Amino acid sequence: MAFEPLAARRRVKVSLRRTHQDWAWWVKELVDRHYPQAGRIVLVLDNLNTHTPAALYALFEAAKVWRIAQKLELHYEHSRE
């Protein structure tokens, strides 16, 4: 789910599994379809091992990944345990 709190907007994508391919396609969709004009997209993520820029490289050519990655600011949730 992508949540844009200042606009009170949620975007939800459901998949059968939680694979790195699913995550990579979702991020590409956020960048290219939902926020193409954004200079920076801040993503706050859990620590699931599929939520990494490496997932993008597994699916897309380097030039496309570079274009996508330049718009992303990734923050990972840290456990308080």
N, C-alpha and C. Protein backbone atom coordinates (compact mmCIF):
# COMPACT_ATOMS: atom_id res chain seq x y z
N MET A 1 0.84 -1.17 0.00
CA MET A 1 0.00 0.00 0.00
C MET A 1 0.89 1.24 0.00
N ALA A 2 0.51 2.20 -0.75
CA ALA A 2 1.16 3.49 -0.74
C ALA A 2 0.18 4.48 -0.13
N PHE A 3 0.67 5.26 0.81
CA PHE A 3 -0.18 6.22 1.51
C PHE A 3 0.43 7.60 1.40
N GLU A 4 -0.36 8.52 0.92
CA GLU A 4 0.07 9.91 0.77
C GLU A 4 -0.71 10.73 1.80
N PRO A 5 -0.17 10.90 3.02
CA PRO A 5 -0.95 11.47 4.11
C PRO A 5 -1.45 12.89 3.87
N LEU A 6 -0.66 13.75 3.26
CA LEU A 6 -1.10 15.13 3.08
C LEU A 6 -2.25 15.26 2.09
N ALA A 7 -2.37 14.31 1.19
CA ALA A 7 -3.48 14.32 0.23
C ALA A 7 -4.60 13.37 0.66
N ALA A 8 -4.40 12.65 1.78
CA ALA A 8 -5.36 11.65 2.26
C ALA A 8 -5.68 10.64 1.16
N ARG A 9 -4.64 10.17 0.50
CA ARG A 9 -4.81 9.26 -0.63
C ARG A 9 -4.06 7.95 -0.34
N ARG A 10 -4.73 6.83 -0.64
CA ARG A 10 -4.10 5.52 -0.54
C ARG A 10 -4.17 4.83 -1.88
N ARG A 11 -3.10 4.12 -2.20
CA ARG A 11 -3.07 3.29 -3.41
C ARG A 11 -2.74 1.88 -2.95
N VAL A 12 -3.57 0.95 -3.36
CA VAL A 12 -3.42 -0.42 -2.89
C VAL A 12 -3.20 -1.34 -4.07
N LYS A 13 -2.27 -2.26 -3.91
CA LYS A 13 -1.99 -3.27 -4.93
C LYS A 13 -1.93 -4.61 -4.21
N VAL A 14 -2.70 -5.57 -4.66
CA VAL A 14 -2.73 -6.88 -4.04
C VAL A 14 -2.10 -7.88 -5.00
N SER A 15 -1.23 -8.72 -4.46
CA SER A 15 -0.63 -9.79 -5.27
C SER A 15 -0.75 -11.10 -4.50
N LEU A 16 -0.59 -12.19 -5.21
CA LEU A 16 -0.72 -13.50 -4.57
C LEU A 16 0.43 -13.79 -3.61
N ARG A 17 1.60 -13.24 -3.92
CA ARG A 17 2.78 -13.47 -3.09
C ARG A 17 3.44 -12.14 -2.80
N ARG A 18 4.51 -12.18 -2.02
CA ARG A 18 5.28 -10.97 -1.73
C ARG A 18 6.71 -11.18 -2.24
N THR A 19 6.85 -11.17 -3.54
CA THR A 19 8.16 -11.44 -4.14
C THR A 19 8.85 -10.13 -4.49
N HIS A 20 10.15 -10.24 -4.78
CA HIS A 20 10.87 -9.03 -5.19
C HIS A 20 10.33 -8.51 -6.52
N GLN A 21 9.83 -9.40 -7.39
CA GLN A 21 9.25 -8.94 -8.66
C GLN A 21 7.99 -8.13 -8.41
N ASP A 22 7.15 -8.60 -7.49
CA ASP A 22 5.92 -7.86 -7.18
C ASP A 22 6.26 -6.46 -6.67
N TRP A 23 7.24 -6.38 -5.78
CA TRP A 23 7.63 -5.09 -5.23
C TRP A 23 8.22 -4.19 -6.31
N ALA A 24 9.07 -4.73 -7.16
CA ALA A 24 9.70 -3.93 -8.22
C ALA A 24 8.65 -3.36 -9.17
N TRP A 25 7.69 -4.17 -9.58
CA TRP A 25 6.65 -3.68 -10.48
C TRP A 25 5.80 -2.60 -9.80
N TRP A 26 5.52 -2.76 -8.49
CA TRP A 26 4.73 -1.78 -7.76
C TRP A 26 5.48 -0.44 -7.69
N VAL A 27 6.76 -0.48 -7.39
CA VAL A 27 7.55 0.74 -7.31
C VAL A 27 7.61 1.43 -8.68
N LYS A 28 7.81 0.65 -9.73
CA LYS A 28 7.83 1.21 -11.08
C LYS A 28 6.48 1.87 -11.39
N GLU A 29 5.39 1.23 -10.99
CA GLU A 29 4.06 1.80 -11.21
C GLU A 29 3.89 3.11 -10.44
N LEU A 30 4.37 3.16 -9.21
CA LEU A 30 4.29 4.41 -8.44
C LEU A 30 5.04 5.53 -9.14
N VAL A 31 6.25 5.24 -9.60
CA VAL A 31 7.09 6.26 -10.23
C VAL A 31 6.54 6.67 -11.59
N ASP A 32 6.18 5.71 -12.42
CA ASP A 32 5.80 6.01 -13.81
C ASP A 32 4.33 6.39 -13.99
N ARG A 33 3.46 5.80 -13.21
CA ARG A 33 2.04 6.02 -13.44
C ARG A 33 1.40 6.99 -12.44
N HIS A 34 1.67 6.78 -11.16
CA HIS A 34 0.99 7.57 -10.14
C HIS A 34 1.68 8.89 -9.83
N TYR A 35 3.02 8.92 -9.90
CA TYR A 35 3.74 10.14 -9.55
C TYR A 35 4.83 10.47 -10.58
N PRO A 36 4.48 10.55 -11.85
CA PRO A 36 5.52 10.79 -12.87
C PRO A 36 6.17 12.18 -12.77
N GLN A 37 5.48 13.15 -12.22
CA GLN A 37 6.02 14.51 -12.12
C GLN A 37 6.80 14.75 -10.83
N ALA A 38 6.75 13.79 -9.92
CA ALA A 38 7.42 13.96 -8.62
C ALA A 38 8.93 13.98 -8.78
N GLY A 39 9.56 14.88 -8.08
CA GLY A 39 11.02 14.92 -8.07
C GLY A 39 11.59 13.89 -7.10
N ARG A 40 10.84 13.63 -6.02
CA ARG A 40 11.29 12.69 -5.00
C ARG A 40 10.07 11.97 -4.43
N ILE A 41 10.17 10.65 -4.29
CA ILE A 41 9.12 9.85 -3.68
C ILE A 41 9.74 9.19 -2.45
N VAL A 42 9.18 9.50 -1.30
CA VAL A 42 9.70 8.95 -0.04
C VAL A 42 8.91 7.69 0.28
N LEU A 43 9.63 6.58 0.41
CA LEU A 43 9.01 5.30 0.76
C LEU A 43 9.50 4.87 2.14
N VAL A 44 8.56 4.62 3.04
CA VAL A 44 8.89 4.07 4.35
C VAL A 44 8.50 2.60 4.28
N LEU A 45 9.50 1.74 4.46
CA LEU A 45 9.32 0.31 4.21
C LEU A 45 9.57 -0.52 5.45
N ASP A 46 8.93 -1.68 5.49
CA ASP A 46 9.32 -2.63 6.53
C ASP A 46 10.62 -3.29 6.08
N ASN A 47 11.15 -4.16 6.87
CA ASN A 47 12.45 -4.75 6.57
C ASN A 47 12.35 -6.05 5.77
N LEU A 48 11.28 -6.24 5.05
CA LEU A 48 11.15 -7.43 4.21
C LEU A 48 12.29 -7.46 3.21
N ASN A 49 12.90 -8.61 3.05
CA ASN A 49 14.11 -8.70 2.22
C ASN A 49 13.87 -8.43 0.74
N THR A 50 12.63 -8.36 0.30
CA THR A 50 12.35 -8.06 -1.11
C THR A 50 12.31 -6.56 -1.39
N HIS A 51 12.28 -5.75 -0.35
CA HIS A 51 12.15 -4.30 -0.51
C HIS A 51 13.51 -3.62 -0.63
N THR A 52 14.20 -3.91 -1.72
CA THR A 52 15.53 -3.33 -1.94
C THR A 52 15.68 -2.89 -3.40
N PRO A 53 16.58 -1.97 -3.66
CA PRO A 53 16.84 -1.58 -5.05
C PRO A 53 17.32 -2.76 -5.90
N ALA A 54 17.93 -3.76 -5.28
CA ALA A 54 18.38 -4.94 -6.02
C ALA A 54 17.21 -5.63 -6.73
N ALA A 55 16.03 -5.54 -6.15
CA ALA A 55 14.85 -6.14 -6.79
C ALA A 55 14.57 -5.49 -8.13
N LEU A 56 14.83 -4.20 -8.23
CA LEU A 56 14.63 -3.50 -9.51
C LEU A 56 15.62 -4.01 -10.56
N TYR A 57 16.87 -4.19 -10.14
CA TYR A 57 17.90 -4.67 -11.08
C TYR A 57 17.61 -6.08 -11.57
N ALA A 58 16.92 -6.87 -10.77
CA ALA A 58 16.59 -8.24 -11.17
C ALA A 58 15.56 -8.26 -12.31
N LEU A 59 14.81 -7.18 -12.47
CA LEU A 59 13.74 -7.15 -13.47
C LEU A 59 13.98 -6.23 -14.65
N PHE A 60 14.62 -5.10 -14.40
CA PHE A 60 14.73 -4.06 -15.42
C PHE A 60 16.17 -3.80 -15.80
N GLU A 61 16.36 -3.21 -16.98
CA GLU A 61 17.72 -2.86 -17.40
C GLU A 61 18.23 -1.69 -16.55
N ALA A 62 19.55 -1.59 -16.48
CA ALA A 62 20.21 -0.64 -15.58
C ALA A 62 19.76 0.80 -15.78
N ALA A 63 19.57 1.23 -17.02
CA ALA A 63 19.16 2.62 -17.27
C ALA A 63 17.79 2.90 -16.68
N LYS A 64 16.88 1.95 -16.78
CA LYS A 64 15.53 2.13 -16.22
C LYS A 64 15.59 2.16 -14.69
N VAL A 65 16.41 1.27 -14.12
CA VAL A 65 16.55 1.24 -12.66
C VAL A 65 17.13 2.56 -12.17
N TRP A 66 18.13 3.07 -12.85
CA TRP A 66 18.75 4.34 -12.46
C TRP A 66 17.71 5.46 -12.47
N ARG A 67 16.88 5.50 -13.51
CA ARG A 67 15.84 6.53 -13.61
C ARG A 67 14.86 6.42 -12.44
N ILE A 68 14.44 5.21 -12.13
CA ILE A 68 13.50 4.99 -11.02
C ILE A 68 14.16 5.33 -9.69
N ALA A 69 15.35 4.81 -9.48
CA ALA A 69 16.04 4.97 -8.20
C ALA A 69 16.35 6.43 -7.88
N GLN A 70 16.57 7.25 -8.89
CA GLN A 70 16.87 8.67 -8.67
C GLN A 70 15.70 9.40 -8.03
N LYS A 71 14.49 8.87 -8.19
CA LYS A 71 13.31 9.51 -7.61
C LYS A 71 12.99 9.01 -6.21
N LEU A 72 13.64 7.92 -5.79
CA LEU A 72 13.27 7.28 -4.53
C LEU A 72 14.14 7.71 -3.36
N GLU A 73 13.50 7.88 -2.23
CA GLU A 73 14.19 8.05 -0.95
C GLU A 73 13.63 6.94 -0.06
N LEU A 74 14.46 5.95 0.25
CA LEU A 74 14.01 4.77 0.99
C LEU A 74 14.37 4.88 2.46
N HIS A 75 13.39 4.61 3.31
CA HIS A 75 13.60 4.58 4.76
C HIS A 75 13.03 3.25 5.25
N TYR A 76 13.84 2.56 6.04
CA TYR A 76 13.43 1.26 6.55
C TYR A 76 13.05 1.36 8.01
N GLU A 77 11.94 0.70 8.37
CA GLU A 77 11.48 0.67 9.74
C GLU A 77 12.47 -0.18 10.56
N HIS A 78 12.85 0.34 11.70
CA HIS A 78 13.76 -0.40 12.58
C HIS A 78 12.98 -0.90 13.77
N SER A 79 13.20 -2.14 14.10
CA SER A 79 12.52 -2.74 15.24
C SER A 79 12.95 -2.05 16.53
N ARG A 80 12.02 -1.86 17.44
CA ARG A 80 12.31 -1.22 18.71
C ARG A 80 12.54 -2.25 19.81
N GLU A 81 12.71 -3.50 19.44
CA GLU A 81 12.93 -4.56 20.43
C GLU A 81 14.30 -4.53 21.01
